[in-house]
């Protein structure tokens, strides 16, 4: 029997914990991405089916009723998108800094 006790301050178990924690976070992110992509695929397929069904049964293509399901479901899909990708997707982490620099550069050229 080997009852070896790890010396105090050994970081191997801490490193293993951090690696496993990172793996679990990545796994959770991948599952949320897969969930969003399935949501998007079902949104497209089902709404195309509904729109085609309405139009072929004498409905008008350019009426709100034709696109109502797609519109309201699209709102839910948008919030699902924000939940998965976050608001940084649109503006990025350094967007504000880059935009300020861009405006300052334009002003600089204006006064030269």
C-alpha atoms as a PDB file:
ATOM      1  CA  UNK A   1       0.000   0.000   0.000  1.00  0.00           C
ATOM      2  CA  UNK A   2       1.308   3.385  -0.942  1.00  0.00           C
ATOM      3  CA  UNK A   3      -0.027   6.017   1.458  1.00  0.00           C
ATOM      4  CA  UNK A   4       1.993   8.831   0.026  1.00  0.00           C
ATOM      5  CA  UNK A   5       0.889  12.215   1.280  1.00  0.00           C
ATOM      6  CA  UNK A   6       1.346  15.131  -1.095  1.00  0.00           C
ATOM      7  CA  UNK A   7       3.530  17.875   0.378  1.00  0.00           C
ATOM      8  CA  UNK A   8       1.811  21.111   1.331  1.00  0.00           C
ATOM      9  CA  UNK A   9       1.934  23.672  -1.447  1.00  0.00           C
ATOM     10  CA  UNK A  10       1.931  21.165  -4.294  1.00  0.00           C
ATOM     11  CA  UNK A  11       0.131  22.925  -7.142  1.00  0.00           C
ATOM     12  CA  UNK A  12      -0.523  19.817  -9.224  1.00  0.00           C
ATOM     13  CA  UNK A  13      -3.997  19.298  -7.771  1.00  0.00           C
ATOM     14  CA  UNK A  14      -4.769  23.013  -8.230  1.00  0.00           C
ATOM     15  CA  UNK A  15      -3.618  22.846 -11.864  1.00  0.00           C
ATOM     16  CA  UNK A  16      -5.739  19.736 -12.429  1.00  0.00           C
ATOM     17  CA  UNK A  17      -8.734  21.498 -10.898  1.00  0.00           C
ATOM     18  CA  UNK A  18      -8.242  24.601 -13.080  1.00  0.00           C
ATOM     19  CA  UNK A  19      -7.857  22.446 -16.197  1.00  0.00           C
ATOM     20  CA  UNK A  20     -11.005  20.484 -15.405  1.00  0.00           C
ATOM     21  CA  UNK A  21     -12.890  23.687 -14.603  1.00  0.00           C
ATOM     22  CA  UNK A  22     -11.817  25.200 -17.942  1.00  0.00           C
ATOM     23  CA  UNK A  23     -12.887  22.005 -19.712  1.00  0.00           C
ATOM     24  CA  UNK A  24     -16.312  22.066 -18.060  1.00  0.00           C
ATOM     25  CA  UNK A  25     -16.807  25.750 -18.971  1.00  0.00           C
ATOM     26  CA  UNK A  26     -15.816  25.020 -22.586  1.00  0.00           C
ATOM     27  CA  UNK A  27     -18.143  22.031 -22.686  1.00  0.00           C
ATOM     28  CA  UNK A  28     -21.027  24.164 -21.380  1.00  0.00           C
ATOM     29  CA  UNK A  29     -20.275  26.861 -24.009  1.00  0.00           C
ATOM     30  CA  UNK A  30     -20.266  24.268 -26.810  1.00  0.00           C
ATOM     31  CA  UNK A  31     -23.612  22.870 -25.613  1.00  0.00           C
ATOM     32  CA  UNK A  32     -25.120  26.372 -25.597  1.00  0.00           C
ATOM     33  CA  UNK A  33     -23.769  26.979 -29.137  1.00  0.00           C
ATOM     34  CA  UNK A  34     -25.261  23.703 -30.342  1.00  0.00           C
ATOM     35  CA  UNK A  35     -28.566  24.635 -28.701  1.00  0.00           C
ATOM     36  CA  UNK A  36     -28.594  28.003 -30.453  1.00  0.00           C
ATOM     37  CA  UNK A  37     -27.769  26.494 -33.858  1.00  0.00           C
ATOM     38  CA  UNK A  38     -30.568  23.931 -33.473  1.00  0.00           C
ATOM     39  CA  UNK A  39     -32.919  26.757 -32.485  1.00  0.00           C
ATOM     40  CA  UNK A  40     -31.866  28.732 -35.569  1.00  0.00           C
ATOM     41  CA  UNK A  41     -32.279  25.731 -37.876  1.00  0.00           C
ATOM     42  CA  UNK A  42     -35.750  24.937 -36.553  1.00  0.00           C
ATOM     43  CA  UNK A  43     -36.689  28.633 -36.819  1.00  0.00           C
ATOM     44  CA  UNK A  44     -35.746  28.713 -40.510  1.00  0.00           C
ATOM     45  CA  UNK A  45     -37.311  25.378 -41.462  1.00  0.00           C
ATOM     46  CA  UNK A  46     -40.584  25.798 -39.574  1.00  0.00           C
ATOM     47  CA  UNK A  47     -41.116  29.424 -40.601  1.00  0.00           C
ATOM     48  CA  UNK A  48     -40.438  28.634 -44.262  1.00  0.00           C
ATOM     49  CA  UNK A  49     -42.991  25.836 -43.996  1.00  0.00           C
ATOM     50  CA  UNK A  50     -45.572  28.136 -42.358  1.00  0.00           C
ATOM     51  CA  UNK A  51     -45.040  30.928 -44.915  1.00  0.00           C
ATOM     52  CA  UNK A  52     -45.273  28.519 -47.855  1.00  0.00           C
ATOM     53  CA  UNK A  53     -48.388  26.940 -46.347  1.00  0.00           C
ATOM     54  CA  UNK A  54     -50.101  30.307 -45.878  1.00  0.00           C
ATOM     55  CA  UNK A  55     -49.237  31.552 -49.382  1.00  0.00           C
ATOM     56  CA  UNK A  56     -50.265  28.333 -51.157  1.00  0.00           C
ATOM     57  CA  UNK A  57     -53.617  28.346 -49.339  1.00  0.00           C
ATOM     58  CA  UNK A  58     -54.568  31.736 -50.699  1.00  0.00           C
ATOM     59  CA  UNK A  59     -52.990  33.980 -48.095  1.00  0.00           C
ATOM     60  CA  UNK A  60     -51.206  37.160 -49.050  1.00  0.00           C
ATOM     61  CA  UNK A  61     -47.434  37.075 -49.003  1.00  0.00           C
ATOM     62  CA  UNK A  62     -47.070  40.671 -47.875  1.00  0.00           C
ATOM     63  CA  UNK A  63     -49.324  40.700 -44.830  1.00  0.00           C
ATOM     64  CA  UNK A  64     -48.341  40.732 -41.175  1.00  0.00           C
ATOM     65  CA  UNK A  65     -50.177  37.460 -40.525  1.00  0.00           C
ATOM     66  CA  UNK A  66     -47.878  35.661 -42.924  1.00  0.00           C
ATOM     67  CA  UNK A  67     -44.768  36.691 -41.016  1.00  0.00           C
ATOM     68  CA  UNK A  68     -46.193  37.032 -37.479  1.00  0.00           C
ATOM     69  CA  UNK A  69     -44.778  33.732 -36.249  1.00  0.00           C
ATOM     70  CA  UNK A  70     -41.374  34.493 -37.753  1.00  0.00           C
ATOM     71  CA  UNK A  71     -41.419  37.973 -36.238  1.00  0.00           C
ATOM     72  CA  UNK A  72     -42.285  37.016 -32.671  1.00  0.00           C
ATOM     73  CA  UNK A  73     -40.181  33.853 -32.695  1.00  0.00           C
ATOM     74  CA  UNK A  74     -37.369  35.972 -34.142  1.00  0.00           C
ATOM     75  CA  UNK A  75     -37.496  38.175 -31.050  1.00  0.00           C
ATOM     76  CA  UNK A  76     -37.013  35.099 -28.881  1.00  0.00           C
ATOM     77  CA  UNK A  77     -34.238  33.864 -31.160  1.00  0.00           C
ATOM     78  CA  UNK A  78     -32.494  37.230 -30.873  1.00  0.00           C
ATOM     79  CA  UNK A  79     -32.506  37.025 -27.071  1.00  0.00           C
ATOM     80  CA  UNK A  80     -31.232  33.445 -27.275  1.00  0.00           C
ATOM     81  CA  UNK A  81     -28.430  34.759 -29.506  1.00  0.00           C
ATOM     82  CA  UNK A  82     -27.552  37.436 -26.935  1.00  0.00           C
ATOM     83  CA  UNK A  83     -27.560  34.820 -24.190  1.00  0.00           C
ATOM     84  CA  UNK A  84     -25.097  32.630 -26.081  1.00  0.00           C
ATOM     85  CA  UNK A  85     -22.812  35.183 -27.744  1.00  0.00           C
ATOM     86  CA  UNK A  86     -23.286  38.146 -25.411  1.00  0.00           C
ATOM     87  CA  UNK A  87     -23.474  41.812 -26.276  1.00  0.00           C
ATOM     88  CA  UNK A  88     -19.745  41.939 -27.022  1.00  0.00           C
ATOM     89  CA  UNK A  89     -20.520  40.199 -30.323  1.00  0.00           C
ATOM     90  CA  UNK A  90     -21.803  43.437 -31.847  1.00  0.00           C
ATOM     91  CA  UNK A  91     -19.443  45.974 -30.366  1.00  0.00           C
ATOM     92  CA  UNK A  92     -16.519  43.848 -29.228  1.00  0.00           C
ATOM     93  CA  UNK A  93     -14.436  44.401 -26.154  1.00  0.00           C
ATOM     94  CA  UNK A  94     -12.383  47.248 -27.643  1.00  0.00           C
ATOM     95  CA  UNK A  95     -15.063  48.753 -29.866  1.00  0.00           C
ATOM     96  CA  UNK A  96     -15.480  51.944 -27.834  1.00  0.00           C
ATOM     97  CA  UNK A  97     -11.738  52.548 -27.718  1.00  0.00           C
ATOM     98  CA  UNK A  98     -11.355  51.967 -31.482  1.00  0.00           C
ATOM     99  CA  UNK A  99     -14.331  54.210 -32.260  1.00  0.00           C
ATOM    100  CA  UNK A 100     -12.937  57.076 -30.148  1.00  0.00           C
ATOM    101  CA  UNK A 101      -9.589  56.743 -31.906  1.00  0.00           C
ATOM    102  CA  UNK A 102     -11.313  56.727 -35.311  1.00  0.00           C
ATOM    103  CA  UNK A 103     -13.255  59.908 -34.498  1.00  0.00           C
ATOM    104  CA  UNK A 104     -10.123  61.600 -33.146  1.00  0.00           C
ATOM    105  CA  UNK A 105      -8.253  60.693 -36.349  1.00  0.00           C
ATOM    106  CA  UNK A 106     -11.036  62.208 -38.468  1.00  0.00           C
ATOM    107  CA  UNK A 107     -10.969  65.376 -36.386  1.00  0.00           C
ATOM    108  CA  UNK A 108      -7.174  65.531 -36.701  1.00  0.00           C
ATOM    109  CA  UNK A 109      -7.387  65.362 -40.512  1.00  0.00           C
ATOM    110  CA  UNK A 110     -10.130  67.975 -40.490  1.00  0.00           C
ATOM    111  CA  UNK A 111      -7.935  70.566 -38.741  1.00  0.00           C
ATOM    112  CA  UNK A 112      -4.764  69.886 -40.739  1.00  0.00           C
END
